[in-house]
Amino acid sequence: MNEQEKIARLAELGTATVYEAAGRQGLIDLPFIQIVKKSRVAGKARTVLCGHGDNVMVHACIEHIQPGEVVVLAQPESYPAALVGDLLATQMQVAGAVGMLSNGSVRDVEELEEMGFPIWTEFVRVRGATKTEVGRLNVPVSMGGNIIYPGDIVVMDADGAITVRPDRLDEILEKAEARFANEEVKRERYQNGERSFDEGDWRAIVDADHQARKVD
């Protein structure tokens, strides 16, 4: 399995499984809106540090996008200005980006849905962006309590967005595969009537707590 296949497999496994396999590291803790329902993607981050409410660097980033990348648009803080509409998203898609992540807004939502270009955005607003505050390309950016470095692997699905450092790809993929396999076994058991409450002595712990409360 080559690197791109490994990255694609992370998307298949899903953010929750990969996040837990990573030791609960890499969470981008924002309430993202998934524009294209049921989409899931993973790719290396093409980072863009935008000025507050400004998208001039979004235009500038297009010619730097490499196929398979996720475009990460970060403002210094979350702000509902529409950094991207359907025309910029079209250019990203044509350049080979597999998705986009933003702590700003998008607009032209119906057109974006029809395009099928996977986008995770913190806001949907019609408010236009300025083009006066030049930002930076390919630098570490902060978003949702996480620092996203250029080339970090971004994984996104209906549950949200996380990052995986490239030097941990093999380790986390192995642990995620093991976790996925374990969950498949548990799912079959639960479908046959077993209950998770009986695992790990949880029932005994709860019963002991109840007994202690009665004594008190």
Protein backbone atom coordinates (compact mmCIF):
# COMPACT_ATOMS: atom_id res chain seq x y z
CA MET A 1 0.00 0.00 0.00
CA ASN A 2 1.55 3.32 -1.07
CA GLU A 3 1.21 6.58 0.85
CA GLN A 4 -1.83 7.82 -1.07
CA GLU A 5 -3.62 4.51 -0.54
CA LYS A 6 -2.87 4.69 3.19
CA ILE A 7 -4.27 8.22 3.34
CA ALA A 8 -7.39 7.15 1.45
CA ARG A 9 -7.84 4.28 3.90
CA LEU A 10 -7.93 6.77 6.79
CA ALA A 11 -10.97 8.36 5.16
CA GLU A 12 -12.64 4.96 4.86
CA LEU A 13 -11.98 4.18 8.51
CA GLY A 14 -13.45 7.53 9.55
CA THR A 15 -12.54 10.38 11.85
CA ALA A 16 -13.81 8.78 15.06
CA THR A 17 -11.81 5.58 14.60
CA VAL A 18 -8.66 7.40 13.49
CA TYR A 19 -8.94 9.97 16.30
CA GLU A 20 -9.19 7.27 18.96
CA ALA A 21 -6.34 5.32 17.34
CA ALA A 22 -4.20 8.46 17.48
CA GLY A 23 -4.64 8.69 21.25
CA ARG A 24 -7.32 11.35 20.89
CA GLN A 25 -4.89 13.76 19.28
CA GLY A 26 -5.46 15.97 16.25
CA LEU A 27 -9.05 17.09 16.85
CA ILE A 28 -10.10 20.30 15.09
CA ASP A 29 -12.73 21.26 17.62
CA LEU A 30 -15.19 23.41 15.67
CA PRO A 31 -18.85 22.89 14.70
CA PHE A 32 -18.24 22.31 10.99
CA ILE A 33 -21.01 22.19 8.42
CA GLN A 34 -20.57 19.40 5.89
CA ILE A 35 -21.75 20.87 2.59
CA VAL A 36 -21.79 17.62 0.62
CA LYS A 37 -23.63 15.08 2.74
CA LYS A 38 -22.08 11.63 3.21
CA SER A 39 -18.74 12.82 1.81
CA ARG A 40 -15.52 11.72 3.48
CA VAL A 41 -12.03 12.67 2.41
CA ALA A 42 -8.41 12.59 3.53
CA GLY A 43 -5.48 14.42 2.03
CA LYS A 44 -2.40 16.45 2.81
CA ALA A 45 -3.03 20.01 3.95
CA ARG A 46 -2.40 22.95 1.65
CA THR A 47 -2.54 25.64 4.33
CA VAL A 48 -3.68 29.21 3.73
CA LEU A 49 -3.54 31.86 6.44
CA CYS A 50 -6.14 34.44 5.44
CA GLY A 51 -6.52 37.95 6.76
CA HIS A 52 -9.59 38.53 8.92
CA GLY A 53 -12.57 38.24 6.59
CA ASP A 54 -10.26 38.44 3.56
CA ASN A 55 -9.85 35.92 0.74
CA VAL A 56 -7.12 37.35 -1.47
CA MET A 57 -4.83 34.46 -0.46
CA VAL A 58 -7.53 31.96 -1.40
CA HIS A 59 -7.21 33.20 -4.96
CA ALA A 60 -3.42 33.05 -4.65
CA CYS A 61 -3.37 29.48 -3.37
CA ILE A 62 -5.03 27.93 -6.42
CA GLU A 63 -1.87 27.66 -8.49
CA HIS A 64 -0.07 25.89 -5.62
CA ILE A 65 -2.62 23.10 -5.10
CA GLN A 66 -1.37 19.59 -5.81
CA PRO A 67 -3.72 16.71 -6.65
CA GLY A 68 -5.03 14.93 -3.56
CA GLU A 69 -4.62 17.88 -1.19
CA VAL A 70 -7.13 19.37 1.24
CA VAL A 71 -7.20 23.17 1.14
CA VAL A 72 -7.20 24.53 4.69
CA LEU A 73 -8.39 28.13 4.95
CA ALA A 74 -7.69 29.56 8.39
CA GLN A 75 -8.39 33.06 9.62
CA PRO A 76 -6.73 34.27 12.83
CA GLU A 77 -10.08 33.56 14.46
CA SER A 78 -13.40 32.18 13.27
CA TYR A 79 -15.40 34.76 11.32
CA PRO A 80 -18.45 34.34 9.05
CA ALA A 81 -17.18 35.99 5.88
CA ALA A 82 -17.64 33.98 2.69
CA LEU A 83 -14.08 33.09 1.77
CA VAL A 84 -15.27 30.75 -0.98
CA GLY A 85 -18.16 30.50 -3.41
CA ASP A 86 -18.72 28.20 -6.36
CA LEU A 87 -16.18 29.91 -8.63
CA LEU A 88 -13.24 29.47 -6.26
CA ALA A 89 -14.38 25.97 -5.40
CA THR A 90 -14.47 25.13 -9.11
CA GLN A 91 -10.84 26.19 -9.44
CA MET A 92 -9.83 24.09 -6.43
CA GLN A 93 -11.62 21.07 -7.83
CA VAL A 94 -10.03 21.47 -11.26
CA ALA A 95 -6.59 21.82 -9.62
CA GLY A 96 -7.09 18.41 -7.99
CA ALA A 97 -8.01 19.28 -4.42
CA VAL A 98 -10.08 16.55 -2.76
CA GLY A 99 -11.74 18.86 -0.26
CA MET A 100 -11.67 22.12 1.67
CA LEU A 101 -11.74 23.05 5.35
CA SER A 102 -12.43 26.56 6.63
CA ASN A 103 -13.14 28.49 9.83
CA GLY A 104 -14.87 31.08 7.68
CA SER A 105 -17.99 30.88 5.57
CA VAL A 106 -19.02 29.68 2.14
CA ARG A 107 -21.88 30.78 -0.08
CA ASP A 108 -23.49 29.45 -3.29
CA VAL A 109 -24.34 26.36 -1.27
CA GLU A 110 -26.74 24.81 -3.78
CA GLU A 111 -24.13 25.13 -6.53
CA LEU A 112 -21.46 23.65 -4.24
CA GLU A 113 -23.71 20.70 -3.46
CA GLU A 114 -24.29 20.10 -7.18
CA MET A 115 -20.53 20.23 -7.82
CA GLY A 116 -19.99 17.51 -5.24
CA PHE A 117 -16.80 19.17 -4.01
CA PRO A 118 -16.43 18.18 -0.33
CA ILE A 119 -16.33 21.23 1.92
CA TRP A 120 -16.34 21.56 5.71
CA THR A 121 -17.03 25.13 6.81
CA GLU A 122 -17.79 26.71 10.15
CA PHE A 123 -20.42 29.04 8.69
CA VAL A 124 -22.75 29.55 5.75
CA ARG A 125 -23.20 33.28 5.18
CA VAL A 126 -23.64 35.55 2.18
CA ARG A 127 -21.32 38.22 3.67
CA GLY A 128 -18.57 38.96 1.14
CA ALA A 129 -14.85 38.84 1.87
CA THR A 130 -12.45 41.72 1.43
CA LYS A 131 -9.33 41.54 -0.74
CA THR A 132 -7.05 43.96 1.01
CA GLU A 133 -5.24 42.03 3.75
CA VAL A 134 -2.56 39.76 2.32
CA GLY A 135 -2.08 36.57 4.29
CA ARG A 136 0.44 33.74 3.91
CA LEU A 137 0.65 30.41 2.13
CA ASN A 138 2.04 27.10 3.34
CA VAL A 139 2.55 28.10 6.98
CA PRO A 140 1.30 26.47 10.19
CA VAL A 141 -2.23 27.65 10.99
CA SER A 142 -4.35 27.44 14.11
CA MET A 143 -7.89 26.12 13.94
CA GLY A 144 -10.18 24.64 16.58
CA GLY A 145 -7.45 24.27 19.18
CA ASN A 146 -5.14 22.46 16.77
CA ILE A 147 -2.07 23.56 14.84
CA ILE A 148 -2.24 22.34 11.24
CA TYR A 149 1.12 22.17 9.49
CA PRO A 150 1.57 22.13 5.71
CA GLY A 151 1.52 18.50 4.66
CA ASP A 152 -0.39 17.27 7.71
CA ILE A 153 -3.01 14.69 6.79
CA VAL A 154 -6.52 16.06 7.20
CA VAL A 155 -9.35 13.55 7.62
CA MET A 156 -12.97 14.74 7.37
CA ASP A 157 -16.39 13.13 7.43
CA ALA A 158 -19.83 13.68 8.95
CA ASP A 159 -18.35 13.57 12.47
CA GLY A 160 -15.94 16.47 11.88
CA ALA A 161 -12.27 16.96 11.08
CA ILE A 162 -8.97 15.77 12.52
CA THR A 163 -5.31 15.81 11.56
CA VAL A 164 -2.64 13.13 11.49
CA ARG A 165 1.04 13.98 11.44
CA PRO A 166 2.73 12.31 8.44
CA ASP A 167 5.40 10.65 10.59
CA ARG A 168 2.61 8.83 12.49
CA LEU A 169 0.71 7.63 9.43
CA ASP A 170 1.80 3.99 9.56
CA GLU A 171 1.41 3.75 13.34
CA ILE A 172 -2.04 5.31 13.43
CA LEU A 173 -3.27 3.39 10.41
CA GLU A 174 -2.26 0.09 12.04
CA LYS A 175 -4.02 1.01 15.28
CA ALA A 176 -7.09 2.26 13.43
CA GLU A 177 -7.35 -0.99 11.46
CA ALA A 178 -7.14 -2.97 14.71
CA ARG A 179 -9.79 -0.77 16.32
CA PHE A 180 -12.06 -1.12 13.29
CA ALA A 181 -11.73 -4.91 13.32
CA ASN A 182 -12.48 -5.01 17.06
CA GLU A 183 -15.57 -2.85 16.58
CA GLU A 184 -16.83 -5.16 13.84
CA VAL A 185 -16.64 -8.10 16.26
CA LYS A 186 -18.43 -6.11 18.97
CA ARG A 187 -21.11 -4.94 16.54
CA GLU A 188 -21.98 -8.54 15.69
CA ARG A 189 -22.10 -9.48 19.38
CA TYR A 190 -24.37 -6.54 20.22
CA GLN A 191 -26.66 -7.39 17.32
CA ASN A 192 -26.98 -10.82 18.93
CA GLY A 193 -28.11 -9.32 22.22
CA GLU A 194 -24.92 -8.86 24.23
CA ARG A 195 -24.49 -5.55 26.05
CA SER A 196 -21.49 -3.28 26.43
CA PHE A 197 -22.52 -2.60 30.03
CA ASP A 198 -21.27 -6.07 30.94
CA GLU A 199 -17.77 -5.37 29.63
CA GLY A 200 -14.89 -4.09 31.73
CA ASP A 201 -16.62 -4.63 35.08
CA TRP A 202 -18.79 -1.54 34.48
CA ARG A 203 -21.90 -3.22 35.90
CA ALA A 204 -20.00 -4.15 39.06
CA ILE A 205 -18.69 -0.60 39.40
CA VAL A 206 -22.16 0.94 39.03
CA ASP A 207 -23.74 -1.60 41.39
CA ALA A 208 -21.05 -0.94 43.99
CA ASP A 209 -21.65 2.80 43.69
CA HIS A 210 -25.38 2.31 44.17
CA GLN A 211 -24.81 0.16 47.21
CA ALA A 212 -22.49 2.78 48.71
CA ARG A 213 -25.14 5.47 48.19
CA LYS A 214 -27.71 3.34 50.00
CA VAL A 215 -25.36 2.95 52.96
CA ASP A 216 -24.81 6.72 53.08
